């Protein structure tokens, strides 16, 4: 009717085609090739004439072109015939890509897109329902082979598998028998508008749905047929679900799943099974450190080094930074307050010694060395703050260097005190050679030489390969450990080794002179202090080497606090006790009386 209306409107308006009147010949081919060819020849031969090739009785009119047909076989036959006579043909229905070859069909035009558009719609249709395992119904007259071939390519490219292909004929009974092995529940109309009904007894051998290629043309009503097909199948599935599980895979109210397996959820990936279809697979969770954020992912993606997968392995989340922090670690706060208290205690003892600097107990065994030792212990307590908080390059360099130098000064001072006791005993004999070594000069020299070697080691260490901040991504899952890399391992262990050497010499020498007579038992106190010092660091080494991150730092801080407290307590607490509690013992008279006795 639209065609008729357009011709009438053109003929009524003299401005559109002046001096030209349009007419038309209308033939019903019924989709048969021979009728289409015969109708075309009749139009070319003239009205009322039989179709005679190469003959026309039309004198005052010319054929402008041909419109039609609706089916591909008849349209193809007419196009091949009109190619000979060079008449144009316009199709409003057929979209087969074969007719797009301009060399074979230069006069063929159409008002609909090519089948590529419908291939894309088919793919989108399948994706919309999440189907990847389907069957195809097409015509057996050869007209669907091109569509089938091209559609198969597109479906394969999008990971959709074809389980079977059924070729339909014009015989409904034959179609029923061909489809009997695949489907029992579908009712639809074929291209001849005939009902195709299948018995509802039985079940689908697999969970798939059928796609009828005959329906995919410009006629949108055919899409409704496909949707109706899906609806009918779904309705039947719901009825069967109420009766028997066989269809449990088709949930009520859901579209049937045209798949040969469950879809892989996000957080997993597909693994092919041993079968002929790539669409048949099973799912495995993503490996550690990997995610997949879409359904049916082929691969899992590795998270960046500073992130880790969430529990469902769907997205990468930032790793947490881990170090000995004041905000999150109570042990860091404990070290902080202990260091403050010990520093305050050391400062109080230093103040007390300064006030009583002229008393015998302070002057015993070189008060200058005592002051140096107290300051070294104070600095050792304070260097703990370099180990707390987030490490940076400067604190990484200062923490080990300051610890090594301050402790070397402290241990050198203890060694100087031990040597003082030893020299004083030997110099007490008449005419002894050791008398010239008695005095502060020897003690101060021991302190300077002992600590200077450590300073030299640390300077060389900083010059060659200093400590620096680094990020440990691998030691603990989900954490980025901010720690100090010691740089030169040789430099680090040379510093510790020299410190251990000083401590060992001091301990051995103090142990040998522990029984020598001494006014205030200085040798015994030194022996106890070195015993505590060496015990702490010997126990610390395996614990230090077996831990990582903030726990390794905590072990070292504990060793620093404990050994420093051992030096402070063993050497200076007995003297403070005498100064404060028993001041009568801190007099020259008491010392002379003890010597006489």
Protein backbone atom coordinates (compact mmCIF):
# COMPACT_ATOMS: atom_id res chain seq x y z
CA UNK A 1 0.00 0.00 0.00
CA UNK A 2 2.86 2.36 0.66
CA UNK A 3 4.24 1.55 -2.80
CA UNK A 4 0.89 2.36 -4.42
CA UNK A 5 0.52 5.57 -2.45
CA UNK A 6 4.00 6.78 -3.44
CA UNK A 7 3.29 6.23 -7.17
CA UNK A 8 -0.03 8.10 -6.96
CA UNK A 9 1.56 11.05 -5.19
CA UNK A 10 4.36 11.32 -7.76
CA UNK A 11 1.96 11.18 -10.68
CA UNK A 12 -0.30 13.87 -9.15
CA UNK A 13 2.56 16.35 -8.71
CA UNK A 14 3.83 17.66 -12.12
CA UNK A 15 6.90 19.17 -10.49
CA UNK A 16 8.41 15.88 -9.37
CA UNK A 17 8.65 14.03 -12.70
CA UNK A 18 7.34 16.37 -15.39
CA UNK A 19 5.96 14.68 -18.53
CA UNK A 20 6.48 11.26 -16.99
CA UNK A 21 3.79 8.98 -15.63
CA UNK A 22 4.75 6.06 -13.45
CA UNK A 23 3.06 2.73 -13.66
CA UNK A 24 3.59 -0.67 -12.21
CA UNK A 25 3.12 -4.35 -12.80
CA UNK A 26 2.47 -6.40 -9.69
CA UNK A 27 3.14 -10.14 -9.61
CA UNK A 28 2.97 -12.59 -6.71
CA UNK A 29 5.89 -15.02 -6.95
CA UNK A 30 4.88 -16.88 -3.79
CA UNK A 31 8.60 -17.29 -3.16
CA UNK A 32 9.06 -19.69 -6.11
CA UNK A 33 12.04 -19.16 -8.38
CA UNK A 34 10.30 -20.11 -11.65
CA UNK A 35 7.36 -17.83 -10.97
CA UNK A 36 9.77 -14.98 -10.21
CA UNK A 37 11.64 -15.48 -13.50
CA UNK A 38 8.40 -15.85 -15.48
CA UNK A 39 6.96 -12.68 -13.90
CA UNK A 40 10.12 -10.77 -14.72
CA UNK A 41 10.02 -11.86 -18.39
CA UNK A 42 6.34 -10.90 -18.61
CA UNK A 43 7.13 -7.40 -17.40
CA UNK A 44 9.97 -7.08 -19.89
CA UNK A 45 7.85 -8.47 -22.80
CA UNK A 46 4.86 -6.24 -22.14
CA UNK A 47 1.47 -6.36 -20.52
CA UNK A 48 -0.66 -9.30 -21.50
CA UNK A 49 2.23 -11.09 -23.09
CA UNK A 50 3.78 -14.34 -22.06
CA UNK A 51 7.34 -14.16 -20.89
CA UNK A 52 9.38 -14.15 -24.10
CA UNK A 53 13.12 -13.57 -23.74
CA UNK A 54 14.60 -10.69 -25.75
CA UNK A 55 11.16 -9.48 -26.95
CA UNK A 56 9.11 -6.43 -25.92
CA UNK A 57 5.84 -5.14 -27.31
CA UNK A 58 5.93 -1.95 -25.26
CA UNK A 59 6.08 1.09 -27.58
CA UNK A 60 5.28 4.14 -25.48
CA UNK A 61 6.62 3.03 -22.11
CA UNK A 62 9.83 1.72 -20.61
CA UNK A 63 10.59 -0.41 -17.63
CA UNK A 64 12.38 1.69 -15.01
CA UNK A 65 13.32 -1.15 -12.71
CA UNK A 66 12.15 -3.97 -10.49
CA UNK A 67 11.26 -4.04 -6.80
CA UNK A 68 11.39 -7.35 -4.92
CA UNK A 69 11.44 -10.19 -4.15
CA UNK A 70 11.06 -11.09 -0.47
CA UNK A 71 13.08 -14.31 -0.50
CA UNK A 72 16.72 -14.80 -1.30
CA UNK A 73 16.40 -17.61 -3.93
CA UNK A 74 13.91 -15.74 -6.10
CA UNK A 75 15.73 -12.44 -5.64
CA UNK A 76 19.02 -14.07 -6.67
CA UNK A 77 17.42 -15.59 -9.80
CA UNK A 78 15.88 -12.25 -10.83
CA UNK A 79 19.19 -10.44 -10.18
CA UNK A 80 21.07 -12.86 -12.44
CA UNK A 81 18.45 -12.39 -15.18
CA UNK A 82 18.38 -8.59 -14.93
CA UNK A 83 22.19 -8.49 -15.08
CA UNK A 84 21.87 -9.61 -18.69
CA UNK A 85 19.45 -6.82 -19.60
CA UNK A 86 21.08 -4.21 -17.28
CA UNK A 87 17.88 -3.32 -15.44
CA UNK A 88 18.10 -2.14 -11.83
CA UNK A 89 16.59 -4.16 -9.03
CA UNK A 90 15.73 -2.82 -5.59
CA UNK A 91 15.22 -5.20 -2.68
CA UNK A 92 13.47 -4.22 0.49
CA UNK A 93 13.94 -7.55 2.25
CA UNK A 94 16.94 -9.61 1.18
CA UNK A 95 20.21 -8.78 2.93
CA UNK A 96 22.45 -11.67 1.88
CA UNK A 97 26.08 -10.44 1.49
CA UNK A 98 26.41 -12.43 -1.76
CA UNK A 99 24.35 -9.77 -3.53
CA UNK A 100 26.82 -7.11 -2.40
CA UNK A 101 29.42 -8.28 -4.92
CA UNK A 102 29.33 -5.42 -7.40
CA UNK A 103 31.06 -7.25 -10.23
CA UNK A 104 28.36 -9.95 -10.34
CA UNK A 105 25.39 -7.75 -9.46
CA UNK A 106 26.20 -4.16 -10.48
CA UNK A 107 22.50 -3.24 -10.83
CA UNK A 108 21.29 -4.65 -7.53
CA UNK A 109 20.37 -2.23 -4.77
CA UNK A 110 18.63 -2.64 -1.47
CA UNK A 111 16.98 -0.48 1.13
CA UNK A 112 18.04 -2.60 4.08
CA UNK A 113 21.46 -3.12 5.62
CA UNK A 114 23.49 -6.19 4.79
CA UNK A 115 23.31 -9.30 6.90
CA UNK A 116 26.32 -8.11 8.89
CA UNK A 117 23.96 -5.91 10.87
CA UNK A 118 21.80 -8.90 11.71
CA UNK A 119 24.81 -11.00 12.58
CA UNK A 120 25.74 -8.37 15.11
CA UNK A 121 22.17 -8.37 16.42
CA UNK A 122 22.27 -12.15 16.77
CA UNK A 123 25.51 -11.89 18.74
CA UNK A 124 24.07 -9.16 20.94
CA UNK A 125 20.93 -11.24 21.42
CA UNK A 126 22.96 -14.22 22.58
CA UNK A 127 25.13 -12.09 24.84
CA UNK A 128 22.06 -10.47 26.35
CA UNK A 129 20.94 -13.83 27.71
CA UNK A 130 24.48 -15.06 28.39
CA UNK A 131 24.25 -17.95 25.89
CA UNK A 132 27.37 -19.50 24.42
CA UNK A 133 26.19 -22.98 23.39
CA UNK A 134 23.40 -22.91 20.81
CA UNK A 135 21.84 -24.75 17.91
CA UNK A 136 20.98 -23.23 14.54
CA UNK A 137 17.91 -23.86 12.42
CA UNK A 138 18.23 -22.83 8.78
CA UNK A 139 16.76 -23.59 5.36
CA UNK A 140 17.78 -26.71 3.47
CA UNK A 141 17.42 -25.12 0.02
CA UNK A 142 20.94 -23.68 0.13
CA UNK A 143 19.83 -20.14 0.76
CA UNK A 144 21.01 -20.23 4.35
CA UNK A 145 24.50 -21.54 3.71
CA UNK A 146 26.01 -18.08 3.31
CA UNK A 147 24.30 -16.80 6.44
CA UNK A 148 25.33 -19.92 8.31
CA UNK A 149 28.95 -19.61 7.25
CA UNK A 150 29.21 -15.93 8.12
CA UNK A 151 27.25 -16.26 11.34
CA UNK A 152 29.41 -19.18 12.38
CA UNK A 153 32.51 -17.00 11.93
CA UNK A 154 31.04 -14.22 14.05
CA UNK A 155 29.86 -16.57 16.75
CA UNK A 156 33.24 -18.28 16.91
CA UNK A 157 34.97 -14.91 17.12
CA UNK A 158 32.84 -14.07 20.16
CA UNK A 159 33.41 -17.44 21.85
CA UNK A 160 29.95 -18.90 21.08
CA UNK A 161 29.78 -22.58 20.15
CA UNK A 162 27.32 -24.25 17.77
CA UNK A 163 26.13 -27.60 19.07
CA UNK A 164 24.14 -28.58 15.98
CA UNK A 165 22.64 -27.26 12.73
CA UNK A 166 19.18 -28.41 11.57
CA UNK A 167 18.11 -27.78 7.97
CA UNK A 168 14.35 -27.20 7.55
CA UNK A 169 12.28 -27.93 4.46
CA UNK A 170 8.79 -26.95 3.44
CA UNK A 171 7.53 -30.23 4.89
CA UNK A 172 6.47 -29.78 8.49
CA UNK A 173 6.60 -33.50 9.23
CA UNK A 174 10.19 -33.75 8.03
CA UNK A 175 11.10 -30.74 10.14
CA UNK A 176 9.47 -32.34 13.16
CA UNK A 177 11.45 -35.54 12.73
CA UNK A 178 14.73 -33.66 12.23
CA UNK A 179 14.25 -31.60 15.35
CA UNK A 180 12.82 -34.44 17.44
CA UNK A 181 16.23 -35.45 18.76
CA UNK A 182 17.02 -31.93 19.94
CA UNK A 183 13.88 -30.20 21.15
CA UNK A 184 10.46 -31.13 22.53
CA UNK A 185 9.11 -27.86 23.85
CA UNK A 186 9.21 -25.24 21.10
CA UNK A 187 6.31 -23.95 19.01
CA UNK A 188 6.93 -21.41 16.25
CA UNK A 189 5.91 -20.58 12.69
CA UNK A 190 8.08 -21.37 9.71
CA UNK A 191 8.70 -19.13 6.70
CA UNK A 192 5.41 -20.33 5.17
CA UNK A 193 3.52 -19.22 8.26
CA UNK A 194 2.82 -22.84 9.10
CA UNK A 195 2.74 -24.05 12.67
CA UNK A 196 5.64 -26.26 13.73
CA UNK A 197 4.59 -28.05 16.91
CA UNK A 198 6.76 -30.43 18.94
CA UNK A 199 5.64 -32.87 21.56
CA UNK A 200 6.26 -31.64 25.09
CA UNK A 201 7.17 -35.11 26.31
CA UNK A 202 10.84 -35.65 27.01
CA UNK A 203 13.62 -33.24 27.85
CA UNK A 204 16.36 -31.27 26.22
CA UNK A 205 19.56 -33.38 26.11
CA UNK A 206 21.53 -30.30 27.20
CA UNK A 207 20.78 -26.84 28.52
CA UNK A 208 20.68 -24.90 25.25
CA UNK A 209 18.11 -22.95 23.23
CA UNK A 210 17.67 -22.75 19.45
CA UNK A 211 18.29 -19.75 17.21
CA UNK A 212 16.29 -19.80 13.97
CA UNK A 213 18.17 -17.93 11.26
CA UNK A 214 15.04 -17.75 9.11
CA UNK A 215 13.69 -15.16 11.49
CA UNK A 216 16.56 -12.70 11.13
CA UNK A 217 15.44 -10.24 8.39
CA UNK A 218 14.11 -6.57 8.49
CA UNK A 219 10.82 -7.85 9.64
CA UNK A 220 10.85 -6.97 13.34
CA UNK A 221 7.84 -9.16 13.96
CA UNK A 222 10.14 -12.13 13.50
CA UNK A 223 12.16 -10.95 16.44
CA UNK A 224 8.97 -11.20 18.43
CA UNK A 225 8.71 -14.80 17.27
CA UNK A 226 12.18 -15.50 18.63
CA UNK A 227 11.29 -13.82 21.90
CA UNK A 228 8.08 -15.78 21.97
CA UNK A 229 10.10 -18.93 21.46
CA UNK A 230 12.20 -18.05 24.49
CA UNK A 231 9.08 -17.23 26.49
CA UNK A 232 7.39 -20.48 25.57
CA UNK A 233 10.46 -22.46 26.50
CA UNK A 234 10.78 -20.58 29.76
CA UNK A 235 7.10 -21.10 30.61
CA UNK A 236 7.44 -24.80 29.97
CA UNK A 237 10.59 -24.88 32.11
CA UNK A 238 8.71 -23.35 35.00
CA UNK A 239 5.91 -25.88 34.66
CA UNK A 240 8.39 -28.72 34.57
CA UNK A 241 10.21 -27.31 37.57
CA UNK A 242 7.03 -27.50 39.57
CA UNK A 243 6.52 -31.12 38.49
CA UNK A 244 10.06 -32.73 38.47
CA UNK A 245 15.19 -31.22 38.20
CA UNK A 246 15.89 -32.52 36.01
CA UNK A 247 15.44 -28.81 35.11
CA UNK A 248 16.81 -27.25 38.27
CA UNK A 249 19.34 -25.47 36.10
CA UNK A 250 16.45 -23.38 34.67
CA UNK A 251 15.35 -21.31 37.62
CA UNK A 252 11.86 -19.99 37.82
CA UNK A 253 11.39 -16.60 36.27
CA UNK A 254 14.75 -16.77 34.50
CA UNK A 255 15.66 -17.16 30.86
CA UNK A 256 16.98 -20.67 30.03
CA UNK A 257 20.74 -20.99 30.16
CA UNK A 258 22.12 -21.96 26.78
CA UNK A 259 25.45 -23.08 28.21
CA UNK A 260 27.24 -26.36 28.77
CA UNK A 261 28.37 -25.31 32.21
CA UNK A 262 27.97 -22.69 34.87
CA UNK A 263 29.48 -19.28 34.08
CA UNK A 264 32.73 -18.50 35.87
CA UNK A 265 32.07 -15.73 38.40
CA UNK A 266 34.46 -12.82 38.92
CA UNK A 267 37.47 -13.94 40.89
CA UNK A 268 37.93 -17.06 38.76
CA UNK A 269 38.94 -17.96 35.23
CA UNK A 270 37.97 -20.50 32.60
CA UNK A 271 39.91 -23.73 32.13
CA UNK A 272 39.04 -25.78 29.02
CA UNK A 273 37.79 -29.30 29.53
CA UNK A 274 38.68 -32.29 27.43
CA UNK A 275 35.97 -31.89 24.81
CA UNK A 276 35.26 -30.66 21.33
CA UNK A 277 33.71 -27.37 22.39
CA UNK A 278 35.76 -24.46 23.65
CA UNK A 279 32.57 -23.26 25.35
CA UNK A 280 32.67 -26.25 27.69
CA UNK A 281 34.99 -25.44 30.56
CA UNK A 282 35.23 -25.43 34.30
CA UNK A 283 36.20 -22.62 36.62
CA UNK A 284 39.22 -22.30 38.88
CA UNK A 285 39.91 -19.50 41.37
CA UNK A 286 42.53 -16.97 40.46
CA UNK A 287 45.97 -17.65 41.85
CA UNK A 288 47.45 -15.66 44.71
CA UNK A 289 48.06 -12.06 43.70
CA UNK A 290 45.64 -12.25 40.73
CA UNK A 291 42.10 -11.00 40.08
CA UNK A 292 39.38 -11.20 37.46
CA UNK A 293 36.62 -8.61 37.52
CA UNK A 294 34.24 -10.00 34.93
CA UNK A 295 32.22 -13.14 34.36
CA UNK A 296 33.77 -15.90 32.23
CA UNK A 297 37.21 -14.33 32.21
CA UNK A 298 39.79 -16.22 30.17
CA UNK A 299 42.69 -15.06 32.31
CA UNK A 300 43.37 -13.57 35.70
CA UNK A 301 45.33 -10.35 35.91
CA UNK A 302 48.26 -9.84 38.24
CA UNK A 303 47.81 -7.05 40.77
CA UNK A 304 50.47 -4.32 40.86
CA UNK A 305 53.23 -4.89 43.39
CA UNK A 306 51.83 -2.30 45.80
CA UNK A 307 48.36 -3.87 45.85
CA UNK A 308 46.79 -7.23 46.61
CA UNK A 309 43.51 -8.94 45.71
CA UNK A 310 40.53 -8.56 47.97
CA UNK A 311 38.95 -11.65 49.54
CA UNK A 312 36.81 -12.33 46.47
CA UNK A 313 39.75 -11.68 44.10
CA UNK A 314 37.69 -9.17 42.14
CA UNK A 315 39.66 -5.99 42.64
CA UNK A 316 43.13 -4.94 43.74
CA UNK A 317 43.31 -3.04 47.00
CA UNK A 318 46.31 -1.10 48.30
CA UNK A 319 48.62 -2.93 50.65
CA UNK A 320 49.06 -1.52 54.14
CA UNK A 321 52.38 -0.01 55.13
CA UNK A 322 54.03 -1.70 58.08
CA UNK A 323 56.74 -0.29 60.33
CA UNK A 324 57.33 0.30 64.03
CA UNK A 325 54.78 3.10 64.27
CA UNK A 326 53.76 5.07 67.33
CA UNK A 327 50.16 5.18 66.14
CA UNK A 328 49.53 1.47 65.55
CA UNK A 329 52.09 -0.44 67.65
CA UNK A 330 51.84 -0.41 71.43
CA UNK A 331 55.35 -1.84 71.61
CA UNK A 332 56.68 1.33 69.96
CA UNK A 333 54.97 3.45 72.63
CA UNK A 334 56.40 1.16 75.30
CA UNK A 335 59.92 1.62 73.90
CA UNK A 336 59.32 5.36 73.72
CA UNK A 337 58.38 5.70 77.38
CA UNK A 338 61.05 3.26 78.56
CA UNK A 339 63.69 5.22 76.67
CA UNK A 340 62.45 8.47 78.20
CA UNK A 341 62.45 7.01 81.72
CA UNK A 342 65.91 5.46 81.33
CA UNK A 343 67.29 8.68 79.87
CA UNK A 344 65.83 10.64 82.78
CA UNK A 345 67.32 8.13 85.22
CA UNK A 346 70.72 8.37 83.53
CA UNK A 347 70.56 12.15 83.60
CA UNK A 348 69.66 12.06 87.30
CA UNK A 349 72.64 9.84 88.07
CA UNK A 350 74.91 12.11 86.01
CA UNK A 351 73.60 15.11 87.97
CA UNK A 352 74.15 13.26 91.24
CA UNK A 353 77.72 12.41 90.25
CA UNK A 354 78.42 16.00 89.30
CA UNK A 355 77.13 17.18 92.68
CA UNK A 356 79.23 14.60 94.54
CA UNK A 357 82.17 14.77 92.14
CA UNK A 358 84.70 15.34 94.93
CA UNK A 359 83.65 12.36 97.02
CA UNK A 360 85.76 9.19 97.04
CA UNK A 361 83.17 6.97 95.38
CA UNK A 362 82.88 9.29 92.39
CA UNK A 363 86.63 9.85 92.14
CA UNK A 364 87.32 6.09 92.34
CA UNK A 365 88.47 4.53 89.07
CA UNK A 366 88.59 7.85 87.17
CA UNK A 367 85.55 10.10 87.48
CA UNK A 368 86.18 11.53 83.98
CA UNK A 369 85.64 8.10 82.48
CA UNK A 370 82.53 7.74 84.63
CA UNK A 371 81.14 10.96 83.21
CA UNK A 372 81.96 9.81 79.67
CA UNK A 373 80.30 6.46 80.34
CA UNK A 374 77.14 8.10 81.72
CA UNK A 375 76.88 10.39 78.68
CA UNK A 376 77.43 7.44 76.34
CA UNK A 377 74.68 5.47 78.10
CA UNK A 378 72.38 8.51 77.91
CA UNK A 379 73.00 8.84 74.17
CA UNK A 380 72.47 5.09 73.74
CA UNK A 381 69.02 5.41 75.32
CA UNK A 382 68.22 8.41 73.12
CA UNK A 383 69.37 6.75 69.89
CA UNK A 384 66.38 4.43 70.26
CA UNK A 385 64.22 7.21 68.75
CA UNK A 386 66.01 6.72 65.41
CA UNK A 387 64.54 3.19 65.35
CA UNK A 388 60.94 4.25 66.04
CA UNK A 389 58.52 5.68 63.47
CA UNK A 390 58.63 5.50 59.67
CA UNK A 391 62.16 4.96 58.39
CA UNK A 392 63.66 7.43 55.94
CA UNK A 393 67.14 7.54 54.42
CA UNK A 394 68.58 9.87 57.06
CA UNK A 395 67.23 7.90 60.04
CA UNK A 396 68.42 4.67 58.43
CA UNK A 397 71.95 6.07 58.32
CA UNK A 398 71.82 7.57 61.81
CA UNK A 399 70.27 4.65 63.69
CA UNK A 400 73.06 2.10 63.21
CA UNK A 401 75.90 4.61 63.11
CA UNK A 402 74.83 6.35 66.33
CA UNK A 403 74.18 3.04 68.06
CA UNK A 404 77.58 1.67 67.05
CA UNK A 405 79.55 4.77 68.06
CA UNK A 406 77.74 5.42 71.36
CA UNK A 407 78.06 1.81 72.44
CA UNK A 408 81.72 1.69 71.46
CA UNK A 409 82.32 4.74 73.67
CA UNK A 410 80.43 3.09 76.53
CA UNK A 411 82.23 -0.24 76.23
CA UNK A 412 85.59 1.52 75.77
CA UNK A 413 84.88 3.43 78.99
CA UNK A 414 84.12 0.15 80.79
CA UNK A 415 87.35 -1.28 79.38
CA UNK A 416 89.21 1.80 80.61
CA UNK A 417 87.75 1.31 84.10
CA UNK A 418 88.78 -2.34 84.06
CA UNK A 419 92.32 -1.46 82.98
CA UNK A 420 92.43 1.18 85.72
CA UNK A 421 91.61 -1.44 88.36
CA UNK A 422 94.24 -3.79 86.97
CA UNK A 423 96.96 -1.10 86.79
CA UNK A 424 96.11 0.27 90.25
CA UNK A 425 96.58 -3.17 91.82
CA UNK A 426 99.88 -3.80 90.06
CA UNK A 427 101.17 -0.29 90.82
CA UNK A 428 100.52 -0.76 94.54
CA UNK A 429 103.65 -2.91 94.85
CA UNK A 430 106.86 -1.09 95.78
CA UNK A 431 109.00 -0.16 92.77
CA UNK A 432 106.39 -1.34 90.31
CA UNK A 433 106.79 -0.49 86.61
CA UNK A 434 103.01 0.17 86.34
CA UNK A 435 103.13 3.32 88.51
CA UNK A 436 103.79 5.56 85.50
CA UNK A 437 100.55 4.31 83.83
CA UNK A 438 98.40 5.26 86.79
CA UNK A 439 96.23 8.34 86.07
CA UNK A 440 93.55 9.70 83.82
CA UNK A 441 95.82 9.81 80.77
CA UNK A 442 95.78 6.04 80.29
CA UNK A 443 92.00 5.75 80.78
CA UNK A 444 91.24 8.60 78.42
CA UNK A 445 93.55 7.14 75.80
CA UNK A 446 91.75 3.79 75.97
CA UNK A 447 88.40 5.52 75.48
CA UNK A 448 89.63 7.62 72.57
CA UNK A 449 91.41 4.80 70.76
CA UNK A 450 88.59 2.30 71.33
CA UNK A 451 85.87 4.61 70.00
CA UNK A 452 88.02 6.05 67.18
CA UNK A 453 88.33 2.67 65.52
CA UNK A 454 84.54 2.35 65.49
CA UNK A 455 84.17 5.85 64.08
CA UNK A 456 86.59 4.94 61.29
CA UNK A 457 84.59 1.79 60.49
CA UNK A 458 81.36 3.79 60.34
CA UNK A 459 82.88 6.50 58.10
CA UNK A 460 84.13 3.89 55.63
CA UNK A 461 80.72 2.19 55.75
CA UNK A 462 78.88 5.43 54.95
CA UNK A 463 81.33 6.24 52.18
CA UNK A 464 81.09 2.88 50.42
CA UNK A 465 77.43 1.88 50.79
CA UNK A 466 75.33 3.68 53.41
CA UNK A 467 72.01 2.37 54.76
CA UNK A 468 68.85 3.49 52.97
CA UNK A 469 65.08 3.09 53.09
CA UNK A 470 63.52 0.20 51.15
CA UNK A 471 60.10 -1.36 50.61
CA UNK A 472 59.74 -5.10 51.22
CA UNK A 473 56.76 -6.30 49.11
CA UNK A 474 57.17 -10.05 49.57
CA UNK A 475 57.85 -11.02 53.18
CA UNK A 476 54.27 -10.62 54.42
CA UNK A 477 51.19 -10.95 52.17
CA UNK A 478 49.11 -7.81 52.10
CA UNK A 479 51.79 -5.62 53.66
CA UNK A 480 54.50 -3.32 52.40
CA UNK A 481 57.25 -3.33 55.01
CA UNK A 482 59.10 -0.05 55.18
CA UNK A 483 62.51 -0.90 56.53
CA UNK A 484 66.14 0.07 56.42
CA UNK A 485 68.52 -1.75 54.15
CA UNK A 486 71.90 -1.75 55.82
CA UNK A 487 73.68 -1.09 52.54
CA UNK A 488 77.06 -2.72 52.94
CA UNK A 489 76.63 -5.97 54.85
CA UNK A 490 80.36 -6.02 55.50
CA UNK A 491 80.20 -2.54 57.03
CA UNK A 492 77.25 -3.46 59.24
CA UNK A 493 78.78 -6.65 60.59
CA UNK A 494 82.20 -5.01 60.94
CA UNK A 495 80.58 -2.45 63.24
CA UNK A 496 78.84 -5.15 65.27
CA UNK A 497 81.93 -7.36 65.25
CA UNK A 498 84.18 -4.63 66.61
CA UNK A 499 81.61 -3.82 69.27
CA UNK A 500 81.53 -7.49 70.24
CA UNK A 501 85.32 -7.55 70.34
CA UNK A 502 85.45 -4.62 72.79
CA UNK A 503 82.76 -6.21 74.96
CA UNK A 504 84.55 -9.58 75.01
CA UNK A 505 87.91 -8.01 75.98
CA UNK A 506 86.23 -5.95 78.71
CA UNK A 507 84.41 -9.00 80.08
CA UNK A 508 87.48 -11.23 80.12
CA UNK A 509 89.68 -8.60 81.73
CA UNK A 510 87.02 -7.70 84.31
CA UNK A 511 86.48 -11.38 85.08
CA UNK A 512 90.20 -11.85 85.74
CA UNK A 513 90.43 -8.90 88.12
CA UNK A 514 87.06 -9.42 89.83
CA UNK A 515 88.76 -10.78 93.03
CA UNK A 516 91.30 -7.96 93.35
CA UNK A 517 90.84 -5.77 96.43
CA UNK A 518 88.88 -2.65 95.57
CA UNK A 519 87.36 0.00 97.80
CA UNK A 520 83.94 -0.13 96.15
CA UNK A 521 84.09 -3.50 94.31
CA UNK A 522 84.37 -1.75 90.92
CA UNK A 523 85.77 -4.88 89.23
CA UNK A 524 82.82 -7.03 90.31
CA UNK A 525 80.30 -4.47 89.10
CA UNK A 526 82.08 -4.23 85.76
CA UNK A 527 82.06 -8.03 85.45
CA UNK A 528 78.33 -8.17 86.09
CA UNK A 529 77.65 -5.34 83.64
CA UNK A 530 79.68 -6.99 80.87
CA UNK A 531 78.03 -10.34 81.61
CA UNK A 532 74.61 -8.73 81.09
CA UNK A 533 75.81 -6.86 78.01
CA UNK A 534 77.29 -9.91 76.29
CA UNK A 535 74.38 -12.16 77.23
CA UNK A 536 71.85 -9.73 75.74
CA UNK A 537 73.66 -9.35 72.42
CA UNK A 538 74.48 -13.03 72.05
CA UNK A 539 70.79 -13.83 72.56
CA UNK A 540 69.78 -11.01 70.22
CA UNK A 541 71.74 -12.18 67.16
CA UNK A 542 69.65 -15.28 66.26
CA UNK A 543 66.41 -13.45 67.07
CA UNK A 544 67.52 -10.52 64.91
CA UNK A 545 68.41 -12.73 61.95
CA UNK A 546 65.15 -14.74 62.11
CA UNK A 547 62.74 -11.80 61.99
CA UNK A 548 61.80 -9.18 59.42
CA UNK A 549 60.43 -5.69 59.39
CA UNK A 550 59.26 -4.04 62.57
CA UNK A 551 59.90 -7.17 64.65
CA UNK A 552 63.56 -7.14 63.70
CA UNK A 553 63.74 -3.47 64.72
CA UNK A 554 61.95 -4.26 67.99
CA UNK A 555 64.52 -6.96 68.79
CA UNK A 556 67.39 -4.53 68.25
CA UNK A 557 65.72 -1.78 70.29
CA UNK A 558 65.10 -4.23 73.12
CA UNK A 559 68.77 -5.24 73.05
CA UNK A 560 69.91 -1.59 73.13
CA UNK A 561 67.63 -0.73 76.06
CA UNK A 562 68.47 -3.89 78.00
CA UNK A 563 72.24 -3.71 77.56
CA UNK A 564 72.33 0.02 78.31
CA UNK A 565 70.21 -0.53 81.40
CA UNK A 566 72.56 -3.36 82.41
CA UNK A 567 75.59 -1.05 82.23
CA UNK A 568 73.77 1.68 84.11
CA UNK A 569 72.40 -0.58 86.83
CA UNK A 570 75.38 -2.81 87.49
CA UNK A 571 77.99 -0.06 87.56
CA UNK A 572 76.19 2.99 88.93
CA UNK A 573 73.27 1.84 91.07
CA UNK A 574 75.54 0.45 93.87
CA UNK A 575 77.39 3.78 93.95
CA UNK A 576 74.14 5.76 94.04
CA UNK A 577 72.98 3.54 96.89
CA UNK A 578 76.09 4.46 98.89
CA UNK A 579 75.83 8.16 98.01
CA UNK A 580 72.18 8.45 98.99
CA UNK A 581 71.50 5.70 101.56
CA UNK A 582 74.93 5.19 103.18
CA UNK A 583 76.79 8.48 102.87
CA UNK A 584 79.05 7.54 105.83
CA UNK A 585 80.80 5.08 103.55
CA UNK A 586 81.59 7.82 101.04
CA UNK A 587 84.31 9.49 103.17
CA UNK A 588 88.11 9.47 103.18
CA UNK A 589 88.14 8.27 106.82
CA UNK A 590 86.05 5.22 105.95
CA UNK A 591 88.38 4.35 103.09
CA UNK A 592 91.51 4.69 105.28
CA UNK A 593 89.94 2.53 107.99
CA UNK A 594 89.13 -0.14 105.37
CA UNK A 595 92.70 0.00 104.05
CA UNK A 596 94.18 -0.37 107.54
CA UNK A 597 91.93 -3.32 108.27
